[in-house]
Amino acid sequence: MGSLSRKIKREIRPNVSHVNLKLLEQLAEDRGFNKGAAEQRKKDIESVVNLLADLEEVSGIGEKTADKIRFHVMSKFGK
């Protein structure tokens, strides 16, 4: 291998240090985690909404009690 080909190979190699590579890996991992957390949060909200929608079907819970429960849950967790 001649000196010219070594110089070309050296120029092709990306100039990324070990620290930058670790930082990029951490950023990619954080993005994936955040995306998964957002998806899980969406599913959790749907589950709670479904539970609150079907409160009247539980024996012993009428319309007024269901409204009180919904109000309490929304005041604690709703935004």
N, C-alpha and C. Protein backbone atom coordinates (compact mmCIF):
# COMPACT_ATOMS: atom_id res chain seq x y z
N MET A 1 0.86 -1.17 0.00
CA MET A 1 0.00 0.00 0.00
C MET A 1 0.90 1.23 0.00
N GLY A 2 0.68 2.08 -0.94
CA GLY A 2 1.51 3.27 -1.05
C GLY A 2 1.06 4.37 -0.11
N SER A 3 1.88 5.38 0.00
CA SER A 3 1.56 6.48 0.92
C SER A 3 0.32 7.24 0.46
N LEU A 4 0.10 7.30 -0.84
CA LEU A 4 -1.07 8.01 -1.35
C LEU A 4 -2.36 7.29 -0.94
N SER A 5 -2.37 5.96 -1.04
CA SER A 5 -3.59 5.23 -0.67
C SER A 5 -3.83 5.30 0.84
N ARG A 6 -2.76 5.32 1.65
CA ARG A 6 -2.94 5.48 3.10
C ARG A 6 -3.52 6.84 3.42
N LYS A 7 -3.06 7.85 2.72
CA LYS A 7 -3.56 9.21 2.94
C LYS A 7 -5.04 9.29 2.56
N ILE A 8 -5.42 8.64 1.48
CA ILE A 8 -6.82 8.65 1.05
C ILE A 8 -7.68 7.93 2.09
N LYS A 9 -7.22 6.77 2.58
CA LYS A 9 -7.98 6.04 3.60
C LYS A 9 -8.13 6.87 4.86
N ARG A 10 -7.10 7.58 5.25
CA ARG A 10 -7.14 8.40 6.44
C ARG A 10 -8.17 9.52 6.29
N GLU A 11 -8.26 10.09 5.11
CA GLU A 11 -9.21 11.18 4.88
C GLU A 11 -10.64 10.67 4.81
N ILE A 12 -10.84 9.44 4.41
CA ILE A 12 -12.19 8.88 4.32
C ILE A 12 -12.75 8.58 5.71
N ARG A 13 -11.91 8.17 6.62
CA ARG A 13 -12.35 7.81 7.96
C ARG A 13 -12.99 9.02 8.65
N PRO A 14 -14.18 8.85 9.22
CA PRO A 14 -14.82 10.00 9.89
C PRO A 14 -14.03 10.42 11.12
N ASN A 15 -14.05 11.69 11.38
CA ASN A 15 -13.31 12.25 12.50
C ASN A 15 -14.23 12.32 13.72
N VAL A 16 -14.46 11.17 14.35
CA VAL A 16 -15.34 11.09 15.51
C VAL A 16 -14.53 10.52 16.66
N SER A 17 -14.49 11.25 17.74
CA SER A 17 -13.75 10.76 18.89
C SER A 17 -14.60 9.76 19.66
N HIS A 18 -13.98 9.05 20.56
CA HIS A 18 -14.67 8.05 21.38
C HIS A 18 -15.74 8.71 22.25
N VAL A 19 -15.45 9.89 22.76
CA VAL A 19 -16.41 10.60 23.61
C VAL A 19 -17.63 11.01 22.79
N ASN A 20 -17.41 11.53 21.60
CA ASN A 20 -18.53 11.92 20.75
C ASN A 20 -19.38 10.72 20.37
N LEU A 21 -18.75 9.59 20.13
CA LEU A 21 -19.48 8.38 19.77
C LEU A 21 -20.36 7.94 20.93
N LYS A 22 -19.84 7.98 22.15
CA LYS A 22 -20.64 7.62 23.32
C LYS A 22 -21.80 8.58 23.50
N LEU A 23 -21.56 9.85 23.26
CA LEU A 23 -22.61 10.85 23.38
C LEU A 23 -23.71 10.61 22.35
N LEU A 24 -23.32 10.29 21.13
CA LEU A 24 -24.30 10.00 20.08
C LEU A 24 -25.11 8.75 20.42
N GLU A 25 -24.46 7.73 20.96
CA GLU A 25 -25.17 6.52 21.37
C GLU A 25 -26.18 6.83 22.47
N GLN A 26 -25.78 7.65 23.43
CA GLN A 26 -26.67 8.02 24.53
C GLN A 26 -27.86 8.82 24.02
N LEU A 27 -27.61 9.74 23.10
CA LEU A 27 -28.71 10.53 22.53
C LEU A 27 -29.70 9.64 21.79
N ALA A 28 -29.19 8.69 21.03
CA ALA A 28 -30.08 7.78 20.30
C ALA A 28 -30.88 6.93 21.27
N GLU A 29 -30.24 6.48 22.34
CA GLU A 29 -30.94 5.68 23.34
C GLU A 29 -32.02 6.51 24.03
N ASP A 30 -31.70 7.75 24.36
CA ASP A 30 -32.68 8.63 25.00
C ASP A 30 -33.88 8.89 24.10
N ARG A 31 -33.61 9.10 22.82
CA ARG A 31 -34.72 9.32 21.88
C ARG A 31 -35.63 8.11 21.82
N GLY A 32 -35.03 6.94 21.77
CA GLY A 32 -35.82 5.71 21.73
C GLY A 32 -36.63 5.53 23.00
N PHE A 33 -36.01 5.80 24.14
CA PHE A 33 -36.71 5.68 25.41
C PHE A 33 -37.87 6.67 25.48
N ASN A 34 -37.63 7.90 25.09
CA ASN A 34 -38.68 8.92 25.13
C ASN A 34 -39.84 8.58 24.20
N LYS A 35 -39.51 8.04 23.04
CA LYS A 35 -40.56 7.65 22.10
C LYS A 35 -41.39 6.51 22.67
N GLY A 36 -40.74 5.54 23.28
CA GLY A 36 -41.45 4.44 23.91
C GLY A 36 -42.29 4.89 25.09
N ALA A 37 -41.74 5.81 25.88
CA ALA A 37 -42.48 6.34 27.03
C ALA A 37 -43.72 7.10 26.58
N ALA A 38 -43.60 7.86 25.51
CA ALA A 38 -44.75 8.61 25.00
C ALA A 38 -45.83 7.66 24.50
N GLU A 39 -45.42 6.59 23.84
CA GLU A 39 -46.39 5.61 23.34
C GLU A 39 -47.09 4.91 24.51
N GLN A 40 -46.33 4.57 25.54
CA GLN A 40 -46.92 3.92 26.71
C GLN A 40 -47.87 4.87 27.43
N ARG A 41 -47.50 6.14 27.54
CA ARG A 41 -48.36 7.13 28.18
C ARG A 41 -49.69 7.24 27.43
N LYS A 42 -49.62 7.22 26.11
CA LYS A 42 -50.84 7.29 25.29
C LYS A 42 -51.75 6.09 25.56
N LYS A 43 -51.16 4.90 25.63
CA LYS A 43 -51.95 3.70 25.90
C LYS A 43 -52.53 3.73 27.32
N ASP A 44 -51.77 4.24 28.28
CA ASP A 44 -52.26 4.34 29.65
C ASP A 44 -53.46 5.28 29.74
N ILE A 45 -53.38 6.40 29.05
CA ILE A 45 -54.49 7.36 29.06
C ILE A 45 -55.73 6.74 28.45
N GLU A 46 -55.56 6.01 27.36
CA GLU A 46 -56.70 5.34 26.74
C GLU A 46 -57.33 4.33 27.70
N SER A 47 -56.51 3.61 28.45
CA SER A 47 -57.02 2.62 29.41
C SER A 47 -57.81 3.30 30.52
N VAL A 48 -57.31 4.40 31.04
CA VAL A 48 -58.01 5.11 32.11
C VAL A 48 -59.32 5.69 31.60
N VAL A 49 -59.30 6.22 30.40
CA VAL A 49 -60.54 6.77 29.82
C VAL A 49 -61.58 5.67 29.66
N ASN A 50 -61.15 4.50 29.20
CA ASN A 50 -62.09 3.38 29.06
C ASN A 50 -62.65 2.94 30.41
N LEU A 51 -61.81 2.93 31.43
CA LEU A 51 -62.30 2.57 32.77
C LEU A 51 -63.31 3.60 33.29
N LEU A 52 -63.01 4.86 33.09
CA LEU A 52 -63.91 5.92 33.57
C LEU A 52 -65.21 5.95 32.77
N ALA A 53 -65.16 5.55 31.52
CA ALA A 53 -66.37 5.57 30.70
C ALA A 53 -67.36 4.48 31.11
N ASP A 54 -66.85 3.39 31.65
CA ASP A 54 -67.70 2.25 31.99
C ASP A 54 -68.03 2.15 33.48
N LEU A 55 -67.91 3.23 34.21
CA LEU A 55 -68.15 3.17 35.65
C LEU A 55 -69.59 2.81 36.00
N GLU A 56 -70.54 3.29 35.23
CA GLU A 56 -71.95 3.03 35.55
C GLU A 56 -72.31 1.55 35.44
N GLU A 57 -71.52 0.79 34.71
CA GLU A 57 -71.80 -0.63 34.55
C GLU A 57 -71.47 -1.44 35.80
N VAL A 58 -70.68 -0.87 36.69
CA VAL A 58 -70.34 -1.55 37.94
C VAL A 58 -71.54 -1.43 38.87
N SER A 59 -71.93 -2.57 39.45
CA SER A 59 -73.11 -2.52 40.34
C SER A 59 -72.78 -1.69 41.58
N GLY A 60 -73.72 -0.85 41.95
CA GLY A 60 -73.54 0.01 43.12
C GLY A 60 -73.00 1.39 42.78
N ILE A 61 -72.62 1.60 41.54
CA ILE A 61 -72.13 2.92 41.13
C ILE A 61 -73.15 3.51 40.17
N GLY A 62 -73.76 4.59 40.62
CA GLY A 62 -74.75 5.27 39.78
C GLY A 62 -74.10 6.43 39.04
N GLU A 63 -74.97 7.22 38.43
CA GLU A 63 -74.48 8.34 37.62
C GLU A 63 -73.77 9.39 38.47
N LYS A 64 -74.34 9.71 39.63
CA LYS A 64 -73.74 10.73 40.49
C LYS A 64 -72.39 10.28 41.04
N THR A 65 -72.32 9.04 41.49
CA THR A 65 -71.06 8.52 42.03
C THR A 65 -70.00 8.44 40.94
N ALA A 66 -70.40 8.02 39.76
CA ALA A 66 -69.47 7.94 38.63
C ALA A 66 -68.93 9.33 38.30
N ASP A 67 -69.80 10.33 38.34
CA ASP A 67 -69.35 11.70 38.07
C ASP A 67 -68.36 12.18 39.13
N LYS A 68 -68.62 11.82 40.39
CA LYS A 68 -67.70 12.20 41.47
C LYS A 68 -66.34 11.54 41.28
N ILE A 69 -66.35 10.27 40.91
CA ILE A 69 -65.09 9.55 40.69
C ILE A 69 -64.33 10.18 39.52
N ARG A 70 -65.04 10.44 38.43
CA ARG A 70 -64.40 11.07 37.26
C ARG A 70 -63.81 12.43 37.62
N PHE A 71 -64.57 13.22 38.37
CA PHE A 71 -64.08 14.54 38.76
C PHE A 71 -62.82 14.41 39.62
N HIS A 72 -62.83 13.47 40.55
CA HIS A 72 -61.67 13.28 41.42
C HIS A 72 -60.44 12.85 40.62
N VAL A 73 -60.62 11.88 39.74
CA VAL A 73 -59.48 11.39 38.94
C VAL A 73 -58.96 12.50 38.03
N MET A 74 -59.85 13.23 37.40
CA MET A 74 -59.41 14.29 36.50
C MET A 74 -58.74 15.43 37.26
N SER A 75 -59.18 15.70 38.49
CA SER A 75 -58.54 16.77 39.25
C SER A 75 -57.14 16.36 39.70
N LYS A 76 -56.91 15.07 39.90
CA LYS A 76 -55.58 14.60 40.31
C LYS A 76 -54.64 14.41 39.13
N PHE A 77 -55.16 13.86 38.03
CA PHE A 77 -54.29 13.47 36.93
C PHE A 77 -54.54 14.23 35.63
N GLY A 78 -55.70 14.80 35.46
CA GLY A 78 -56.01 15.52 34.23
C GLY A 78 -55.32 16.87 34.19
N LYS A 79 -55.09 17.34 33.01
CA LYS A 79 -54.43 18.65 32.87
C LYS A 79 -55.22 19.54 31.98
